[in-house]
Protein backbone atom coordinates (compact mmCIF):
# COMPACT_ATOMS: atom_id res chain seq x y z
CA MET A 1 191.91 100.29 34.50
CA ASN A 2 193.81 102.13 37.23
CA ALA A 3 195.36 100.46 40.26
CA VAL A 4 192.52 101.14 42.70
CA ARG A 5 189.92 99.76 40.32
CA ALA A 6 192.07 96.73 39.62
CA LEU A 7 192.21 96.07 43.35
CA LEU A 8 188.63 96.88 44.35
CA THR A 9 186.20 96.38 41.47
CA GLY A 10 183.22 94.38 42.77
CA VAL A 11 184.97 93.81 46.09
CA VAL A 12 182.16 94.62 48.56
CA ASP A 13 179.59 91.88 49.04
CA TYR A 14 176.72 93.78 50.64
CA ALA A 15 175.56 92.12 53.87
CA GLY A 16 173.13 94.73 55.16
CA LEU A 17 170.95 92.04 56.75
CA PHE A 18 173.69 91.24 59.25
CA PRO A 19 174.97 93.01 62.38
CA PRO A 20 175.79 95.66 63.18
CA ALA A 21 173.45 97.10 60.51
CA ALA A 22 170.89 94.26 60.82
CA LEU A 23 168.48 95.87 58.37
CA ASP A 24 165.12 94.41 57.44
CA MET A 25 164.93 92.74 54.03
CA PRO A 26 163.06 95.49 52.13
CA THR A 27 165.50 98.15 53.32
CA ALA A 28 168.56 96.06 52.51
CA VAL A 29 167.28 95.21 49.03
CA ARG A 30 166.31 98.82 48.39
CA ASN A 31 169.79 99.92 49.45
CA TYR A 32 171.47 97.39 47.17
CA VAL A 33 169.39 98.35 44.16
CA GLY A 34 170.12 102.02 44.86
CA TYR A 35 173.85 101.42 45.15
CA ARG A 36 173.86 99.88 41.68
CA SER A 37 172.89 103.24 40.15
CA GLU A 38 175.56 105.27 41.98
CA PRO A 39 178.96 106.28 40.54
CA SER A 40 180.59 104.03 43.16
CA SER A 41 178.68 100.96 41.92
CA TRP A 42 181.93 99.60 40.45
CA MET A 43 182.90 98.52 44.01
CA LEU A 44 179.65 96.62 44.62
CA GLY A 45 179.64 92.83 44.56
CA ARG A 46 176.86 90.42 45.47
CA PHE A 47 173.94 90.68 47.87
CA VAL A 48 174.47 88.31 50.81
CA VAL A 49 171.37 86.50 52.06
CA PRO A 50 170.77 83.44 54.26
CA VAL A 51 168.97 80.61 52.51
CA ALA A 52 166.45 80.75 55.37
CA LYS A 53 165.44 84.25 54.23
CA LEU A 54 165.02 83.61 50.51
CA ASP A 55 161.23 83.78 50.81
CA GLU A 56 161.59 87.23 52.37
CA LEU A 57 163.85 88.23 49.50
CA ALA A 58 161.27 87.06 46.95
CA ALA A 59 158.59 89.14 48.66
CA ALA A 60 160.84 92.21 48.72
CA ILE A 61 161.72 91.90 45.05
CA GLU A 62 158.01 91.90 44.18
CA HIS A 63 157.76 95.43 45.56
CA ILE A 64 161.22 96.74 44.64
CA ASN A 65 162.09 96.70 40.97
CA PRO A 66 165.67 95.38 40.71
CA GLY A 67 165.99 96.73 37.18
CA SER A 68 167.04 94.92 34.05
CA LYS A 69 170.14 93.37 35.63
CA PRO A 70 169.51 90.40 37.96
CA ILE A 71 170.73 90.74 41.55
CA GLY A 72 173.78 88.57 42.11
CA LEU A 73 173.34 86.54 45.29
CA SER A 74 175.74 84.89 47.67
CA VAL A 75 173.61 82.57 49.81
CA LEU A 76 174.56 81.53 53.33
CA CYS A 77 173.84 77.92 54.19
CA GLY A 78 172.94 76.65 57.65
CA SER A 79 173.84 73.36 59.28
CA ASN A 80 171.96 71.29 56.68
CA MET A 81 174.15 72.37 53.80
CA SER A 82 172.93 69.96 51.14
CA ASP A 83 169.26 70.89 51.65
CA ASP A 84 170.13 74.58 51.67
CA ILE A 85 172.06 74.34 48.43
CA GLU A 86 169.12 72.50 46.86
CA ALA A 87 166.81 75.28 48.09
CA ALA A 88 169.12 77.97 46.68
CA LEU A 89 169.18 76.31 43.26
CA ALA A 90 165.39 75.95 43.33
CA PHE A 91 165.14 79.67 44.15
CA GLN A 92 167.31 80.44 41.13
CA ASN A 93 165.04 78.38 38.90
CA ALA A 94 161.94 80.15 40.22
CA HIS A 95 163.32 83.71 40.13
CA GLY A 96 165.97 83.60 37.43
CA SER A 97 164.84 86.82 35.78
CA ASP A 98 165.43 88.79 38.99
CA VAL A 99 168.38 87.03 40.66
CA THR A 100 171.50 85.06 39.86
CA VAL A 101 172.50 82.56 42.55
CA ASP A 102 176.09 81.64 41.79
CA VAL A 103 177.84 81.66 45.18
CA ALA A 104 177.15 79.77 48.41
CA GLU A 105 178.90 80.10 51.75
CA ALA A 106 178.87 77.68 54.66
CA ARG A 107 180.66 77.41 57.98
CA VAL A 108 182.76 74.25 58.19
CA VAL A 109 184.90 72.93 61.03
CA ARG A 110 185.50 69.30 59.93
CA VAL A 111 187.53 68.05 57.00
CA GLU A 112 184.93 65.44 56.11
CA ASP A 113 182.23 68.09 55.66
CA ILE A 114 184.20 69.94 53.00
CA ALA A 115 184.02 67.18 50.40
CA SER A 116 180.28 66.67 50.97
CA LEU A 117 179.69 70.42 50.63
CA ALA A 118 181.46 70.43 47.28
CA VAL A 119 179.49 67.41 46.08
CA SER A 120 176.19 69.04 47.06
CA ALA A 121 176.94 72.10 44.96
CA GLY A 122 178.36 70.26 41.98
CA ASP A 123 179.51 72.73 39.35
CA GLN A 124 176.48 75.00 39.72
CA LEU A 125 177.76 77.23 42.53
CA GLU A 126 181.07 78.63 43.66
CA ILE A 127 181.47 77.51 47.26
CA PHE A 128 183.25 79.37 50.06
CA ALA A 129 183.86 77.28 53.16
CA GLU A 130 184.16 79.50 56.24
CA LEU A 131 186.99 78.05 58.30
CA PRO A 132 188.35 78.91 61.74
CA SER A 133 191.61 80.84 61.65
CA ASP A 134 192.71 79.23 64.91
CA PRO A 135 193.93 76.58 65.45
CA ASP A 136 196.10 76.24 62.35
CA PRO A 137 193.71 75.64 59.44
CA ARG A 138 196.31 73.85 57.31
CA GLU A 139 194.38 70.56 57.03
CA LEU A 140 191.05 72.27 56.40
CA ILE A 141 192.52 74.44 53.66
CA ALA A 142 194.20 71.41 52.12
CA ALA A 143 190.78 69.73 52.05
CA VAL A 144 189.29 72.84 50.44
CA ALA A 145 191.97 72.64 47.75
CA ARG A 146 191.25 68.96 47.11
CA ALA A 147 187.55 69.71 46.80
CA GLY A 148 188.19 72.49 44.30
CA ILE A 149 186.30 75.13 46.27
CA SER A 150 187.29 78.36 48.05
CA ALA A 151 187.81 79.46 51.65
CA LYS A 152 186.45 82.21 53.85
CA ILE A 153 187.86 83.89 56.94
CA ARG A 154 185.97 85.85 59.57
CA THR A 155 187.98 88.98 60.32
CA GLY A 156 185.86 90.59 63.03
CA GLY A 157 182.47 91.13 64.56
CA VAL A 158 180.61 93.33 67.03
CA THR A 159 182.78 92.45 70.06
CA ARG A 160 186.51 92.80 70.54
CA ASP A 161 187.01 89.06 71.01
CA ALA A 162 185.53 88.40 67.55
CA PHE A 163 188.67 89.74 65.88
CA PRO A 164 191.46 87.25 65.14
CA SER A 165 195.06 88.21 65.73
CA ALA A 166 197.06 89.59 62.84
CA ALA A 167 199.34 86.55 63.11
CA ASN A 168 196.40 84.19 62.66
CA VAL A 169 195.10 86.14 59.67
CA VAL A 170 198.54 86.02 58.06
CA ARG A 171 198.76 82.29 58.71
CA PHE A 172 195.33 81.74 57.13
CA ILE A 173 196.32 83.75 54.05
CA ARG A 174 199.64 81.91 53.76
CA ARG A 175 197.90 78.53 53.93
CA CYS A 176 195.53 79.64 51.17
CA LEU A 177 198.34 80.94 48.99
CA ASP A 178 200.42 77.80 49.46
CA ALA A 179 197.43 75.61 48.56
CA GLN A 180 196.36 77.91 45.68
CA VAL A 181 192.98 78.40 47.31
CA ARG A 182 191.02 81.58 46.70
CA PHE A 183 189.38 83.16 49.74
CA LYS A 184 187.01 85.88 50.83
CA ALA A 185 186.82 87.71 54.14
CA THR A 186 183.86 88.83 56.18
CA ALA A 187 183.04 91.06 59.15
CA GLY A 188 184.97 93.95 60.64
CA LEU A 189 186.23 95.36 57.34
CA HIS A 190 184.10 98.51 56.96
CA HIS A 191 187.12 100.80 56.81
CA PRO A 192 190.07 101.08 54.40
CA PHE A 193 192.77 101.23 57.08
CA ARG A 194 193.39 99.64 60.44
CA ALA A 195 192.41 101.75 63.43
CA GLU A 196 190.15 101.80 66.46
CA TYR A 197 186.51 102.20 65.45
CA ALA A 198 183.03 101.79 66.88
CA LEU A 199 182.06 98.12 66.68
CA THR A 200 178.30 98.76 66.46
CA TYR A 201 175.95 101.57 65.47
CA ASP A 202 174.62 102.01 69.00
CA ALA A 203 174.51 105.42 70.64
CA SER A 204 177.37 104.47 72.99
CA PRO A 205 179.10 101.67 71.11
CA PRO A 206 182.04 99.57 72.23
CA ARG A 207 185.22 100.37 70.36
CA GLY A 208 187.98 98.12 69.18
CA MET A 209 190.88 97.75 66.78
CA MET A 210 189.62 96.71 63.34
CA PHE A 211 191.49 95.52 60.27
CA GLY A 212 191.35 97.73 57.21
CA TYR A 213 190.23 96.09 54.00
CA LEU A 214 193.13 97.70 52.14
CA ASN A 215 195.50 96.27 54.76
CA VAL A 216 194.11 92.75 54.24
CA PHE A 217 194.06 92.80 50.45
CA LEU A 218 197.41 94.50 50.06
CA ALA A 219 199.05 92.20 52.61
CA THR A 220 197.84 89.27 50.53
CA ALA A 221 199.09 90.84 47.32
CA PHE A 222 202.53 91.53 48.77
CA MET A 223 202.70 87.98 50.18
CA ARG A 224 202.12 86.69 46.64
CA HIS A 225 205.13 88.74 45.58
CA GLY A 226 207.64 87.56 48.15
CA VAL A 227 206.87 89.41 51.38
CA ASN A 228 207.48 87.18 54.40
CA ASP A 229 204.94 86.61 57.15
CA ASP A 230 206.52 89.06 59.58
CA ASP A 231 206.33 91.88 57.05
CA ALA A 232 202.80 90.83 56.09
CA ARG A 233 201.77 91.13 59.74
CA GLN A 234 203.22 94.65 59.76
CA ILE A 235 201.10 95.51 56.71
CA LEU A 236 197.98 94.15 58.44
CA GLU A 237 198.78 96.19 61.55
CA GLU A 238 199.79 99.37 59.70
CA GLN A 239 197.77 102.27 61.11
CA ASN A 240 199.41 105.11 59.20
CA PRO A 241 197.47 105.73 55.95
CA SER A 242 200.39 107.75 54.57
CA ALA A 243 202.48 104.55 54.57
CA PHE A 244 200.38 103.54 51.56
CA VAL A 245 200.81 105.52 48.34
CA ILE A 246 197.94 105.20 45.86
CA ALA A 247 199.02 106.15 42.35
CA ASN A 248 197.22 105.67 39.06
CA ASP A 249 199.29 102.67 37.99
CA ALA A 250 200.45 101.19 41.33
CA ILE A 251 199.90 101.02 45.07
CA SER A 252 202.90 101.07 47.39
CA TRP A 253 203.61 100.37 51.04
CA ARG A 254 206.80 101.73 52.57
CA GLY A 255 208.77 101.52 49.34
CA ARG A 256 207.35 98.23 48.05
CA SER A 257 205.09 98.54 45.03
CA LEU A 258 202.42 96.53 43.23
CA ASP A 259 201.37 97.43 39.69
CA THR A 260 197.94 97.14 38.16
CA ASN A 261 198.59 93.67 36.74
CA ALA A 262 199.59 92.33 40.15
CA LEU A 263 196.50 93.81 41.78
CA ARG A 264 194.18 92.43 39.11
CA ALA A 265 195.75 88.98 39.46
CA LEU A 266 195.29 89.14 43.24
CA ARG A 267 191.53 89.48 42.84
CA GLU A 268 191.29 86.79 40.19
CA GLU A 269 193.52 84.23 41.86
CA ALA A 270 193.64 84.86 45.61
CA ALA A 271 191.56 87.44 47.52
CA VAL A 272 188.08 87.52 45.98
CA SER A 273 185.90 89.88 48.04
CA PHE A 274 184.81 90.89 51.51
CA GLY A 275 181.40 90.98 53.13
CA SER A 276 180.27 94.20 54.79
CA CYS A 277 176.96 95.25 56.31
CA SER A 278 177.77 98.76 55.07
CA PHE A 279 178.54 99.79 51.51
CA ARG A 280 178.75 103.49 52.23
CA GLU A 281 181.54 103.31 54.82
CA PRO A 282 184.04 101.38 52.65
CA VAL A 283 183.29 103.58 49.64
CA ASP A 284 183.03 107.01 51.25
CA GLU A 285 186.17 106.62 53.33
CA LEU A 286 188.13 105.45 50.30
CA GLN A 287 186.93 108.43 48.28
CA SER A 288 187.99 110.80 51.05
CA LEU A 289 191.51 109.38 50.66
CA ALA A 290 191.58 109.06 46.89
CA PRO A 291 188.84 111.32 45.50
CA THR A 292 189.53 110.45 41.88
CA VAL A 293 188.81 106.70 42.10
């Protein structure tokens, strides 16, 4: 496995139902099934679906053959997390030949809700608790560690104010690393490198500075290998793609290098995946930079 595949295999959780794409269920499912047959399918992770839309998903699957491999689902819970997890597990039991429900995500802002979320899921689902990156999430991440679950950070949205500061993202990552908590990211990571992009798919969209998914994952990897928070912030804010060198056996940033083993360990032990309403943008832009991946 080369360095890029070690870093990015299965990294994109497809969230086509969500803004700015906001596709209808049949289109999103059809897209996902199609992506699985493309050469770039190695980057594809799970299909992200709210528990409230599982009935729509069932109806779509009846008309769209998912193939012999079940669709891996990451289900988003609402405010009644225990009932939603029960519904997700019931959906798995009813549709187990077509789907695999093994991940659930839920927004959490109170320490006491984290333990109850973990209890509701038991050992049947991997749980990602979406936590605020500001104020300091130290206590929430400590609670996530005690509960034996994972964390999630929102890294953007469709408005400029939805994007956290680089300093807050670094702090979130550092808290996760210190607590040995795995995390995923979501929103605003359609592109490999940090730059100003359109925030929606409207004809005259607002524009804003977005994090690159390579910036986020590589910053985390370098932090695991001794980079301090100031340097990590510089990696997150790096806008020059040529500052990153992608070789077959390593990826480097301004003279610092991570080999394939370090990148594989990052994905297994720290930064799990990111949610994106687009699969094509993350893949196509990466291939334009490194055509051989």
